[in-house]
C-alpha atoms as a PDB file:
ATOM      1  CA  MET A   1     113.621 129.566  61.624  1.00  0.00           C
ATOM      2  CA  SER A   2     112.647 127.043  64.175  1.00  0.00           C
ATOM      3  CA  VAL A   3     113.002 127.404  67.643  1.00  0.00           C
ATOM      4  CA  ALA A   4     112.860 124.169  70.055  1.00  0.00           C
ATOM      5  CA  VAL A   5     110.984 124.291  72.731  1.00  0.00           C
ATOM      6  CA  PHE A   6     111.956 122.206  76.445  1.00  0.00           C
ATOM      7  CA  ASP A   7     109.848 121.039  79.102  1.00  0.00           C
ATOM      8  CA  LEU A   8     111.744 121.810  81.985  1.00  0.00           C
ATOM      9  CA  THR A   9     109.628 120.288  84.768  1.00  0.00           C
ATOM     10  CA  PRO A  10     111.471 117.408  85.862  1.00  0.00           C
ATOM     11  CA  VAL A  11     110.243 113.914  85.859  1.00  0.00           C
ATOM     12  CA  ILE A  12     110.711 111.792  88.859  1.00  0.00           C
ATOM     13  CA  TRP A  13     110.551 108.083  88.259  1.00  0.00           C
ATOM     14  CA  SER A  14     111.117 106.038  92.159  1.00  0.00           C
ATOM     15  CA  PHE A  15     108.839 106.699  94.772  1.00  0.00           C
ATOM     16  CA  ASP A  16     110.517 106.823  97.426  1.00  0.00           C
ATOM     17  CA  MET A  17     112.605 110.534  94.938  1.00  0.00           C
ATOM     18  CA  VAL A  18     108.838 111.399  94.578  1.00  0.00           C
ATOM     19  CA  ILE A  19     107.976 111.650  98.641  1.00  0.00           C
ATOM     20  CA  GLN A  20     111.390 113.016  99.869  1.00  0.00           C
ATOM     21  CA  ALA A  21     111.190 115.722  97.403  1.00  0.00           C
ATOM     22  CA  ALA A  22     107.473 116.223  98.640  1.00  0.00           C
ATOM     23  CA  LEU A  23     109.091 116.531 101.756  1.00  0.00           C
ATOM     24  CA  MET A  24     111.706 118.833 100.569  1.00  0.00           C
ATOM     25  CA  GLY A  25     108.992 121.377  99.585  1.00  0.00           C
ATOM     26  CA  GLN A  26     109.498 120.610  96.281  1.00  0.00           C
ATOM     27  CA  GLY A  27     105.512 120.431  95.481  1.00  0.00           C
ATOM     28  CA  ILE A  28     102.914 118.288  95.745  1.00  0.00           C
ATOM     29  CA  ALA A  29     103.089 114.147  95.102  1.00  0.00           C
ATOM     30  CA  MET A  30     101.675 111.814  94.063  1.00  0.00           C
ATOM     31  CA  ALA A  31     102.359 108.537  95.870  1.00  0.00           C
ATOM     32  CA  ARG A  32     101.090 105.673  97.498  1.00  0.00           C
ATOM     33  CA  THR A  33      99.547 105.125 100.253  1.00  0.00           C
ATOM     34  CA  SER A  34     101.632 102.375 102.143  1.00  0.00           C
ATOM     35  CA  LEU A  35     104.598 103.892 101.496  1.00  0.00           C
ATOM     36  CA  ALA A  36     103.852 107.644 102.231  1.00  0.00           C
ATOM     37  CA  ALA A  37     102.518 106.119 105.911  1.00  0.00           C
ATOM     38  CA  LEU A  38     104.755 107.380 108.415  1.00  0.00           C
ATOM     39  CA  ASP A  39     105.464 110.909 106.993  1.00  0.00           C
ATOM     40  CA  LEU A  40     101.582 111.536 106.745  1.00  0.00           C
ATOM     41  CA  ALA A  41     101.013 110.309 110.467  1.00  0.00           C
ATOM     42  CA  ALA A  42     103.724 112.272 111.946  1.00  0.00           C
ATOM     43  CA  GLY A  43     103.502 115.605 110.280  1.00  0.00           C
ATOM     44  CA  ASN A  44     105.958 115.395 107.576  1.00  0.00           C
ATOM     45  CA  LEU A  45     103.596 114.858 104.840  1.00  0.00           C
ATOM     46  CA  VAL A  46      99.216 115.891 104.823  1.00  0.00           C
ATOM     47  CA  ARG A  47      96.510 115.058 102.167  1.00  0.00           C
ATOM     48  CA  PRO A  48      95.494 117.362 100.103  1.00  0.00           C
ATOM     49  CA  PHE A  49      92.600 116.648  99.485  1.00  0.00           C
ATOM     50  CA  ALA A  50      90.553 114.025 100.963  1.00  0.00           C
ATOM     51  CA  GLN A  51      89.683 111.241  97.941  1.00  0.00           C
ATOM     52  CA  SER A  52      92.184 108.334  97.357  1.00  0.00           C
ATOM     53  CA  VAL A  53      92.624 106.739  94.366  1.00  0.00           C
ATOM     54  CA  ALA A  54      92.842 102.909  94.015  1.00  0.00           C
ATOM     55  CA  SER A  55      96.008 101.691  92.031  1.00  0.00           C
ATOM     56  CA  SER A  56      95.760  98.535  90.020  1.00  0.00           C
ATOM     57  CA  GLY A  57      99.932  98.088  90.643  1.00  0.00           C
ATOM     58  CA  ALA A  58     100.911  95.216  92.840  1.00  0.00           C
ATOM     59  CA  TYR A  59     103.553  93.896  94.502  1.00  0.00           C
ATOM     60  CA  TYR A  60     104.463  89.890  93.635  1.00  0.00           C
ATOM     61  CA  LEU A  61     106.245  87.268  96.250  1.00  0.00           C
ATOM     62  CA  VAL A  62     107.460  84.874  93.534  1.00  0.00           C
ATOM     63  CA  TYR A  63     109.457  82.021  94.873  1.00  0.00           C
ATOM     64  CA  PRO A  64     109.206  78.147  92.954  1.00  0.00           C
ATOM     65  CA  GLU A  65     106.117  76.665  95.008  1.00  0.00           C
ATOM     66  CA  GLU A  66     108.725  73.144  95.654  1.00  0.00           C
ATOM     67  CA  HIS A  67     111.129  76.186  98.266  1.00  0.00           C
ATOM     68  CA  LEU A  68     107.863  76.818 100.200  1.00  0.00           C
ATOM     69  CA  ARG A  69     109.083  73.246 101.887  1.00  0.00           C
ATOM     70  CA  ARG A  70     111.446  75.273 103.409  1.00  0.00           C
ATOM     71  CA  PRO A  71     110.885  75.996 107.132  1.00  0.00           C
ATOM     72  CA  ARG A  72     112.554  79.394 106.686  1.00  0.00           C
ATOM     73  CA  VAL A  73     111.031  80.184 103.339  1.00  0.00           C
ATOM     74  CA  LYS A  74     107.572  79.371 105.821  1.00  0.00           C
ATOM     75  CA  ALA A  75     108.663  81.478 107.833  1.00  0.00           C
ATOM     76  CA  PHE A  76     109.577  84.688 105.857  1.00  0.00           C
ATOM     77  CA  VAL A  77     106.349  84.194 103.816  1.00  0.00           C
ATOM     78  CA  SER A  78     103.733  84.029 107.069  1.00  0.00           C
ATOM     79  CA  TRP A  79     105.945  86.758 108.740  1.00  0.00           C
ATOM     80  CA  LEU A  80     105.727  89.166 104.912  1.00  0.00           C
ATOM     81  CA  LYS A  81     101.565  88.852 104.390  1.00  0.00           C
ATOM     82  CA  ASN A  82     101.670  88.904 108.704  1.00  0.00           C
ATOM     83  CA  GLU A  83     103.469  92.561 108.641  1.00  0.00           C
ATOM     84  CA  VAL A  84     101.478  94.119 104.932  1.00  0.00           C
ATOM     85  CA  ALA A  85      98.567  92.885 106.910  1.00  0.00           C
ATOM     86  CA  GLU A  86      98.787  94.974 110.066  1.00  0.00           C
ATOM     87  CA  THR A  87     100.319  97.786 107.133  1.00  0.00           C
ATOM     88  CA  LEU A  88      96.707  97.909 105.509  1.00  0.00           C
ATOM     89  CA  ARG A  89      95.078  97.831 108.730  1.00  0.00           C
ATOM     90  CA  GLU A  90      96.815 100.814 110.286  1.00  0.00           C
ATOM     91  CA  ILE A  91      96.934 102.540 106.642  1.00  0.00           C
ATOM     92  CA  ASP A  92      93.388 102.072 107.216  1.00  0.00           C
ATOM     93  CA  SER A  93      93.094 103.381 110.912  1.00  0.00           C
ATOM     94  CA  ASP A  94      94.726 106.776 109.964  1.00  0.00           C
ATOM     95  CA  GLU A  95      93.337 107.217 106.294  1.00  0.00           C
ATOM     96  CA  ALA A  96      89.625 107.531 108.765  1.00  0.00           C
ATOM     97  CA  ASP A  97      91.758 109.951 111.332  1.00  0.00           C
ATOM     98  CA  ALA A  98      93.519 112.150 109.011  1.00  0.00           C
ATOM     99  CA  PRO A  99      92.918 116.123 108.319  1.00  0.00           C
ATOM    100  CA  VAL A 100      92.411 117.394 105.058  1.00  0.00           C
ATOM    101  CA  GLU A 101      94.409 120.013 105.188  1.00  0.00           C
ATOM    102  CA  ASP A 102      92.439 122.802 103.980  1.00  0.00           C
END
């Protein structure tokens, strides 16, 4: 007679759902700092450790090169780059000031 053993540990494949589960007290989450930055800054989430792990993942904005000649596309790309740069500056600043839970 054989007995099947199932692992009932939930697996969440969406970063926003991981963060939401942590906000609801369901456990510890590993998430991109950029996605959890607002909740960290507001004190809704805390860093249990000071150490961060660099990710090799990235986001890409992909478009045909000729579309960059369109003023609206050019404006959007410029706006997006500025938003990302500002967010990264805020995250760097917040990480330097963030307390670590004991």
